[in-house]
N, C-alpha and C. Protein backbone atom coordinates (compact mmCIF):
# COMPACT_ATOMS: atom_id res chain seq x y z
N MET A 1 19.34 6.63 9.53
CA MET A 1 19.50 5.66 8.69
C MET A 1 18.53 6.41 7.66
N SER A 2 19.31 5.19 7.15
CA SER A 2 18.94 5.71 5.31
C SER A 2 17.38 5.42 5.25
N LEU A 3 16.75 6.69 3.97
CA LEU A 3 15.26 6.24 3.87
C LEU A 3 14.92 5.39 3.20
N LEU A 4 15.97 4.19 2.94
CA LEU A 4 15.39 2.87 2.11
C LEU A 4 15.71 1.69 2.72
N ALA A 5 16.57 2.14 3.89
CA ALA A 5 16.53 1.42 5.11
C ALA A 5 14.96 1.72 6.74
N GLN A 6 14.64 2.80 6.00
CA GLN A 6 13.81 3.44 6.67
C GLN A 6 12.06 2.73 5.88
N ALA A 7 12.24 2.67 4.72
CA ALA A 7 11.44 1.87 3.99
C ALA A 7 11.46 0.22 4.00
N GLU A 8 12.37 -0.16 4.58
CA GLU A 8 12.16 -1.85 4.44
C GLU A 8 12.07 -2.02 5.86
N GLN A 9 12.36 -1.06 6.46
CA GLN A 9 11.83 -1.81 7.71
C GLN A 9 9.96 -1.46 8.05
N PHE A 10 9.37 -0.72 7.26
CA PHE A 10 8.29 -0.31 6.87
C PHE A 10 7.32 -1.55 6.59
N PHE A 11 8.17 -2.07 5.05
CA PHE A 11 7.22 -3.25 4.98
C PHE A 11 7.86 -4.65 5.66
N ALA A 12 9.16 -4.35 6.52
CA ALA A 12 8.99 -5.78 7.10
C ALA A 12 7.69 -5.61 7.85
N ALA A 13 7.19 -4.51 8.85
CA ALA A 13 6.27 -4.46 10.32
C ALA A 13 4.65 -4.63 9.32
N LEU A 14 4.00 -4.15 7.88
CA LEU A 14 3.43 -4.27 7.00
C LEU A 14 3.10 -5.20 7.30
N ASN A 15 3.96 -6.28 6.00
CA ASN A 15 4.39 -8.10 6.33
C ASN A 15 3.96 -8.68 7.31
N ALA A 16 4.59 -8.11 8.46
CA ALA A 16 4.01 -8.86 10.19
C ALA A 16 2.77 -8.41 10.56
N HIS A 17 2.07 -7.52 9.73
CA HIS A 17 0.96 -7.31 9.96
C HIS A 17 1.00 -5.81 11.33
N ASP A 18 2.34 -5.44 11.25
CA ASP A 18 2.92 -4.39 12.66
C ASP A 18 1.43 -3.17 12.22
N LEU A 19 0.56 -3.77 11.83
CA LEU A 19 0.29 -2.00 12.02
C LEU A 19 0.40 -0.93 12.78
N ASP A 20 0.53 -1.40 13.69
CA ASP A 20 0.89 0.13 14.81
C ASP A 20 2.41 0.83 14.92
N LYS A 21 2.88 -0.29 13.77
CA LYS A 21 4.82 0.49 13.92
C LYS A 21 4.94 1.38 11.92
N VAL A 22 3.31 1.06 11.60
CA VAL A 22 3.15 1.44 10.35
C VAL A 22 2.67 2.36 10.28
N ALA A 23 1.56 2.45 10.90
CA ALA A 23 0.48 3.22 11.17
C ALA A 23 1.99 4.96 11.77
N ALA A 24 2.67 4.31 12.99
CA ALA A 24 3.18 5.22 13.59
C ALA A 24 4.27 6.13 12.32
N ALA A 25 5.28 5.73 11.37
CA ALA A 25 5.72 6.20 10.46
C ALA A 25 5.28 6.95 9.39
N ILE A 26 3.71 7.22 9.52
CA ILE A 26 3.47 8.16 8.07
C ILE A 26 2.51 9.34 9.80
N ALA A 27 3.21 10.69 8.74
CA ALA A 27 2.38 11.91 9.54
C ALA A 27 1.65 12.07 9.71
N PRO A 28 0.29 12.30 11.17
CA PRO A 28 -0.90 12.31 10.81
C PRO A 28 -1.49 13.10 9.70
N SER A 29 -0.84 14.16 9.25
CA SER A 29 -1.58 15.19 8.10
C SER A 29 -0.88 14.82 6.36
N ALA A 30 0.14 13.55 6.31
CA ALA A 30 0.07 12.88 5.21
C ALA A 30 -0.82 12.80 4.36
N SER A 31 -0.03 12.91 3.56
CA SER A 31 -1.22 13.23 2.31
C SER A 31 -0.96 11.68 1.72
N VAL A 32 -1.95 10.79 1.80
CA VAL A 32 -1.88 10.02 0.87
C VAL A 32 -2.65 9.60 -0.15
N ARG A 33 -1.62 9.16 -1.53
CA ARG A 33 -2.81 9.20 -2.68
C ARG A 33 -2.71 7.21 -3.44
N THR A 34 -3.65 6.69 -3.46
CA THR A 34 -3.06 4.99 -4.51
C THR A 34 -4.20 6.03 -5.53
N PRO A 35 -3.80 4.94 -6.34
CA PRO A 35 -4.84 5.03 -7.37
C PRO A 35 -6.73 4.36 -6.82
N ILE A 36 -6.69 3.98 -5.82
CA ILE A 36 -8.15 3.56 -5.47
C ILE A 36 -8.70 4.63 -4.59
N GLY A 37 -7.22 5.82 -4.19
CA GLY A 37 -8.26 6.56 -3.22
C GLY A 37 -7.52 7.08 -2.93
N SER A 38 -7.45 8.47 -1.89
CA SER A 38 -6.67 8.94 -1.57
C SER A 38 -7.20 9.60 0.26
N PHE A 39 -5.94 9.95 0.66
CA PHE A 39 -6.90 10.12 2.82
C PHE A 39 -5.40 10.55 3.18
N THR A 40 -5.49 11.16 3.68
CA THR A 40 -4.64 11.45 5.23
C THR A 40 -4.10 10.75 6.33
N GLY A 41 -3.14 11.37 6.32
CA GLY A 41 -2.28 10.55 7.99
C GLY A 41 -2.05 8.89 8.29
N GLY A 42 -1.69 8.66 8.93
CA GLY A 42 -0.81 7.10 9.68
C GLY A 42 -2.44 6.34 9.78
N GLU A 43 -3.21 6.76 10.57
CA GLU A 43 -4.63 6.08 10.97
C GLU A 43 -5.14 5.42 10.06
N ALA A 44 -5.87 6.10 8.56
CA ALA A 44 -6.94 6.38 7.83
C ALA A 44 -5.25 5.41 6.76
N TYR A 45 -3.91 5.44 6.61
CA TYR A 45 -3.48 4.16 5.84
C TYR A 45 -4.06 2.79 6.54
N ARG A 46 -3.63 3.07 7.84
CA ARG A 46 -3.92 1.64 8.80
C ARG A 46 -5.49 1.13 8.11
N GLU A 47 -6.68 1.20 8.31
CA GLU A 47 -7.93 1.06 8.11
C GLU A 47 -7.47 0.78 6.82
N TRP A 48 -6.82 1.49 5.66
CA TRP A 48 -6.87 1.05 4.22
C TRP A 48 -5.73 -0.42 4.69
N MET A 49 -5.24 -0.48 5.16
CA MET A 49 -4.10 -2.12 5.21
C MET A 49 -5.25 -3.06 5.57
N LEU A 50 -6.24 -2.76 6.42
CA LEU A 50 -7.14 -3.75 6.75
C LEU A 50 -8.25 -4.15 6.03
N MET A 51 -8.44 -3.19 5.27
CA MET A 51 -9.25 -3.25 4.54
C MET A 51 -8.79 -4.36 3.10
N HIS A 52 -7.80 -4.40 3.16
CA HIS A 52 -6.36 -5.35 2.44
C HIS A 52 -6.69 -6.66 2.32
N PHE A 53 -5.69 -5.91 4.07
CA PHE A 53 -5.49 -7.92 4.78
C PHE A 53 -6.21 -8.35 5.33
N ARG A 54 -7.95 -7.47 4.71
CA ARG A 54 -9.34 -8.74 5.26
C ARG A 54 -9.89 -9.28 3.77
N ALA A 55 -9.36 -9.29 3.30
CA ALA A 55 -9.27 -9.33 1.17
C ALA A 55 -8.15 -10.53 0.89
N LEU A 56 -7.15 -9.89 1.73
CA LEU A 56 -5.80 -10.64 1.19
C LEU A 56 -5.16 -11.45 2.18
N PRO A 57 -5.31 -11.93 3.11
CA PRO A 57 -4.78 -11.89 4.56
C PRO A 57 -3.35 -12.03 4.00
N ASP A 58 -2.95 -12.67 3.41
CA ASP A 58 -1.38 -12.99 2.82
C ASP A 58 -0.60 -11.95 2.13
N PHE A 59 -1.24 -10.86 2.32
CA PHE A 59 -0.86 -9.55 1.47
C PHE A 59 0.73 -9.55 1.72
N THR A 60 1.52 -9.63 0.54
CA THR A 60 3.25 -8.94 1.11
C THR A 60 3.72 -8.04 0.37
N HIS A 61 4.12 -7.03 0.36
CA HIS A 61 5.30 -6.46 -0.23
C HIS A 61 7.05 -6.77 -0.08
N GLU A 62 7.25 -6.36 -1.20
CA GLU A 62 8.56 -6.57 -0.98
C GLU A 62 9.46 -5.07 -1.70
N ILE A 63 10.97 -4.65 -1.60
CA ILE A 63 11.08 -4.04 -2.41
C ILE A 63 11.95 -4.36 -3.42
N ARG A 64 11.39 -3.64 -4.63
CA ARG A 64 12.64 -4.78 -5.47
C ARG A 64 13.53 -3.53 -7.04
N GLY A 65 13.99 -3.54 -7.83
CA GLY A 65 14.14 -2.83 -8.11
C GLY A 65 14.56 -2.05 -8.00
N MET A 66 15.20 -0.70 -8.98
CA MET A 66 15.35 0.60 -9.17
C MET A 66 14.79 0.59 -7.43
N ALA A 67 15.91 1.98 -6.45
CA ALA A 67 15.32 3.22 -5.68
C ALA A 67 16.30 3.79 -5.37
N ALA A 68 15.77 5.31 -5.27
CA ALA A 68 16.37 6.42 -5.31
C ALA A 68 16.28 7.43 -4.19
N GLU A 69 16.98 7.99 -3.67
CA GLU A 69 16.91 8.62 -2.42
C GLU A 69 17.74 9.73 -2.42
N SER A 70 17.16 10.87 -1.72
CA SER A 70 17.77 11.90 -2.02
C SER A 70 17.52 12.44 -0.11
N ASP A 71 17.64 13.93 0.40
CA ASP A 71 18.40 14.42 1.19
C ASP A 71 16.45 14.24 1.98
N ARG A 72 15.39 14.38 1.71
CA ARG A 72 13.98 14.09 2.25
C ARG A 72 13.21 13.72 1.44
N THR A 73 13.05 12.44 0.16
CA THR A 73 12.70 12.37 -0.69
C THR A 73 13.35 10.47 -0.83
N LEU A 74 12.57 9.40 -1.56
CA LEU A 74 12.58 8.45 -1.30
C LEU A 74 11.96 7.22 -3.24
N ALA A 75 12.45 6.86 -4.07
CA ALA A 75 11.02 6.60 -4.40
C ALA A 75 11.84 4.94 -5.10
N PHE A 76 11.15 4.28 -5.71
CA PHE A 76 11.65 2.81 -5.28
C PHE A 76 10.64 2.02 -5.69
N GLU A 77 10.65 0.87 -6.72
CA GLU A 77 10.08 0.36 -7.05
C GLU A 77 9.28 -0.86 -5.68
N LEU A 78 8.52 -1.33 -5.84
CA LEU A 78 7.34 -2.75 -4.90
C LEU A 78 7.34 -3.39 -5.88
N HIS A 79 6.62 -4.39 -5.36
CA HIS A 79 5.96 -5.68 -5.78
C HIS A 79 5.55 -6.77 -4.80
N ALA A 80 4.17 -6.87 -5.24
CA ALA A 80 2.62 -6.98 -4.36
C ALA A 80 2.37 -8.81 -4.54
N THR A 81 2.52 -9.35 -3.32
CA THR A 81 1.33 -10.19 -4.43
C THR A 81 0.50 -11.04 -2.38
N GLY A 82 -0.27 -12.01 -3.22
CA GLY A 82 -1.74 -12.01 -2.20
C GLY A 82 -2.60 -12.72 -2.67
N THR A 83 -3.43 -13.55 -2.03
CA THR A 83 -4.49 -14.48 -2.34
C THR A 83 -5.91 -13.68 -1.97
N MET A 84 -6.51 -13.29 -2.83
CA MET A 84 -8.20 -13.05 -2.35
C MET A 84 -9.26 -14.13 -1.85
N THR A 85 -9.44 -14.37 -0.46
CA THR A 85 -9.85 -15.64 0.14
C THR A 85 -10.80 -14.68 0.71
N GLY A 86 -10.89 -13.26 1.22
CA GLY A 86 -11.96 -12.68 1.76
C GLY A 86 -12.03 -11.55 1.29
N PRO A 87 -13.70 -10.92 1.54
CA PRO A 87 -14.30 -9.69 0.42
C PRO A 87 -13.44 -8.97 0.83
N LEU A 88 -13.65 -8.06 -0.22
CA LEU A 88 -12.74 -6.86 -0.41
C LEU A 88 -13.45 -5.02 -0.35
N ALA A 89 -13.86 -4.24 0.76
CA ALA A 89 -14.49 -3.56 0.63
C ALA A 89 -14.37 -2.80 -0.09
N MET A 90 -15.59 -1.68 -1.12
CA MET A 90 -14.98 -0.79 -1.65
C MET A 90 -16.74 -0.08 -1.47
N PRO A 91 -16.51 1.49 -1.94
CA PRO A 91 -17.37 2.19 -1.59
C PRO A 91 -18.59 1.72 -1.75
N GLY A 92 -19.15 1.27 -3.25
CA GLY A 92 -20.38 1.00 -3.36
C GLY A 92 -20.69 -0.46 -2.41
N GLY A 93 -19.76 -1.75 -2.23
CA GLY A 93 -19.73 -2.11 -1.10
C GLY A 93 -19.15 -3.75 -1.69
N ASP A 94 -18.91 -4.81 -0.40
CA ASP A 94 -18.23 -5.86 -0.67
C ASP A 94 -18.28 -6.45 -2.31
N LEU A 95 -16.87 -6.49 -2.64
CA LEU A 95 -16.43 -7.51 -3.83
C LEU A 95 -16.31 -8.99 -2.96
N PRO A 96 -17.18 -10.06 -3.42
CA PRO A 96 -16.60 -11.13 -2.69
C PRO A 96 -15.39 -11.62 -3.40
N PRO A 97 -15.02 -12.97 -2.69
CA PRO A 97 -13.73 -13.32 -2.75
C PRO A 97 -13.97 -13.89 -4.24
N THR A 98 -12.38 -14.63 -5.09
CA THR A 98 -11.89 -14.96 -5.72
C THR A 98 -11.58 -16.30 -5.76
N GLY A 99 -10.81 -16.42 -4.53
CA GLY A 99 -9.30 -17.56 -3.83
C GLY A 99 -8.00 -16.86 -5.48
N ARG A 100 -8.62 -16.05 -6.29
CA ARG A 100 -7.26 -15.71 -6.44
C ARG A 100 -5.79 -14.55 -6.85
N THR A 101 -5.22 -14.94 -7.42
CA THR A 101 -4.14 -14.43 -6.25
C THR A 101 -3.45 -12.63 -7.25
N ILE A 102 -3.38 -12.14 -6.44
CA ILE A 102 -2.58 -10.73 -7.36
C ILE A 102 -0.88 -10.92 -7.57
N ASN A 103 -0.26 -10.75 -8.31
CA ASN A 103 1.63 -10.64 -8.26
C ASN A 103 1.39 -8.99 -9.11
N ILE A 104 1.70 -8.17 -8.27
CA ILE A 104 1.39 -6.76 -8.69
C ILE A 104 3.00 -6.16 -8.86
N SER A 105 3.85 -5.23 -9.87
CA SER A 105 4.40 -3.96 -10.00
C SER A 105 3.72 -2.67 -9.30
N ALA A 106 4.34 -2.08 -8.27
CA ALA A 106 4.02 -0.81 -8.45
C ALA A 106 5.23 0.31 -7.61
N SER A 107 5.35 2.18 -7.96
CA SER A 107 6.05 2.99 -7.70
C SER A 107 5.75 3.64 -6.46
N ASP A 108 6.41 3.79 -5.58
CA ASP A 108 5.81 4.49 -4.49
C ASP A 108 7.15 5.80 -4.45
N PHE A 109 6.58 6.35 -3.94
CA PHE A 109 7.32 7.77 -4.01
C PHE A 109 7.00 8.76 -3.00
N TRP A 110 8.04 8.54 -1.79
CA TRP A 110 7.54 9.08 -0.08
C TRP A 110 8.31 10.61 0.48
N ARG A 111 7.40 11.25 0.38
CA ARG A 111 8.89 12.44 1.22
C ARG A 111 8.79 12.46 2.68
N PHE A 112 9.58 13.04 3.20
CA PHE A 112 9.99 12.51 4.52
C PHE A 112 9.90 14.00 5.53
N GLU A 113 9.97 14.59 6.51
CA GLU A 113 10.14 15.55 7.01
C GLU A 113 9.37 14.95 8.92
N ASP A 114 11.26 15.13 9.35
CA ASP A 114 11.33 14.84 11.19
C ASP A 114 11.76 13.43 10.88
N GLY A 115 11.57 12.58 10.02
CA GLY A 115 11.74 11.20 10.27
C GLY A 115 10.59 10.62 10.28
N LEU A 116 9.30 11.62 9.67
CA LEU A 116 8.13 10.28 8.91
C LEU A 116 7.19 11.16 7.94
N ILE A 117 7.16 9.90 7.80
CA ILE A 117 6.72 10.20 6.04
C ILE A 117 5.78 11.21 6.13
N VAL A 118 5.85 12.05 4.89
CA VAL A 118 4.44 13.45 4.79
C VAL A 118 3.79 12.83 3.77
N GLU A 119 4.82 12.66 3.16
CA GLU A 119 3.65 12.36 0.94
C GLU A 119 3.97 11.24 1.18
N TYR A 120 2.66 10.45 0.61
CA TYR A 120 2.89 8.90 0.54
C TYR A 120 2.49 8.97 -1.26
N HIS A 121 2.86 8.89 -2.34
CA HIS A 121 2.41 8.00 -3.19
C HIS A 121 2.54 6.97 -4.29
N LEU A 122 1.70 6.08 -4.71
CA LEU A 122 1.58 4.97 -4.50
C LEU A 122 0.88 4.54 -5.94
N TYR A 123 2.15 3.99 -6.70
CA TYR A 123 1.31 3.93 -8.39
C TYR A 123 1.19 2.76 -8.92
N PHE A 124 0.05 1.94 -9.39
CA PHE A 124 0.03 0.77 -9.89
C PHE A 124 -1.09 0.84 -10.50
N ASP A 125 -1.16 -0.19 -11.28
CA ASP A 125 -2.27 -0.59 -12.54
C ASP A 125 -3.68 -1.32 -11.96
N ARG A 126 -4.04 -0.31 -11.82
CA ARG A 126 -5.94 -0.92 -10.78
C ARG A 126 -6.09 -1.94 -11.95
N LEU A 127 -6.56 -1.30 -13.05
CA LEU A 127 -7.06 -2.62 -13.93
C LEU A 127 -6.35 -3.81 -14.37
N ASP A 128 -4.81 -3.72 -14.10
CA ASP A 128 -4.49 -5.20 -13.97
C ASP A 128 -4.81 -5.68 -12.34
N PHE A 129 -4.59 -4.75 -11.61
CA PHE A 129 -5.05 -5.40 -9.98
C PHE A 129 -6.66 -6.11 -9.63
N PHE A 130 -7.66 -5.42 -10.46
CA PHE A 130 -8.95 -6.89 -10.61
C PHE A 130 -8.86 -6.68 -11.14
N GLY A 131 -8.00 -6.89 -12.66
CA GLY A 131 -8.18 -8.39 -13.74
C GLY A 131 -7.81 -9.49 -13.02
N GLN A 132 -7.03 -9.21 -12.19
CA GLN A 132 -5.83 -10.51 -11.68
C GLN A 132 -6.84 -10.75 -11.09
N LEU A 133 -7.45 -10.39 -10.05
CA LEU A 133 -8.78 -10.75 -8.67
C LEU A 133 -9.11 -11.75 -9.91
N GLY A 134 -9.80 -11.31 -11.04
CA GLY A 134 -11.02 -12.03 -11.57
C GLY A 134 -11.91 -11.14 -11.54
N LEU A 135 -11.59 -9.60 -10.84
CA LEU A 135 -12.96 -8.50 -10.60
C LEU A 135 -13.33 -7.14 -11.77
N THR A 136 -14.25 -6.92 -12.14
CA THR A 136 -14.78 -5.36 -12.52
C THR A 136 -14.39 -4.72 -12.10
N PRO A 137 -13.41 -3.65 -12.11
CA PRO A 137 -13.08 -2.56 -11.00
C PRO A 137 -13.68 -1.34 -11.11
N PRO A 138 -13.86 -1.14 -10.18
CA PRO A 138 -15.37 0.20 -9.36
C PRO A 138 -15.03 1.33 -10.58
N ALA A 139 -16.22 1.60 -10.97
CA ALA A 139 -15.32 3.62 -11.75
C ALA A 139 -15.82 4.07 -11.06
N ASP A 140 -14.98 5.49 -11.19
CA ASP A 140 -14.30 6.45 -10.66
C ASP A 140 -15.34 7.07 -10.31
N ASP A 141 -14.90 7.45 -9.00
CA ASP A 141 -16.20 8.62 -8.76
C ASP A 141 -16.12 9.83 -9.10
């Protein structure tokens, strides 16, 4: 199966909230970097997504635009939407729901080993993310 097909299955599972399947696709020692924080492994990714699903229960992701694949790496454009009907957990405490919708573009870069994601780098404009939700972004640590 191509790496892009694996990513399509990953996001189908994520959109279905099948976090067992999602976490199993990410190696326990994987480096995951996002504009909102960095962590290690599939279980930490599961917790990160649970935080997002609590705030945005209808949070969905779709691979769109360009995708490039080599032997062990995959890069692609991603589009995410959702409505903030629950609190968003942040290090300084929960941000209250705003009822506002996000419509965000992102770029993902993944590296695979033995069929698992071992590096997962996600890039998106976090100011745009928080702005669309009507929130002030938390200060960097």
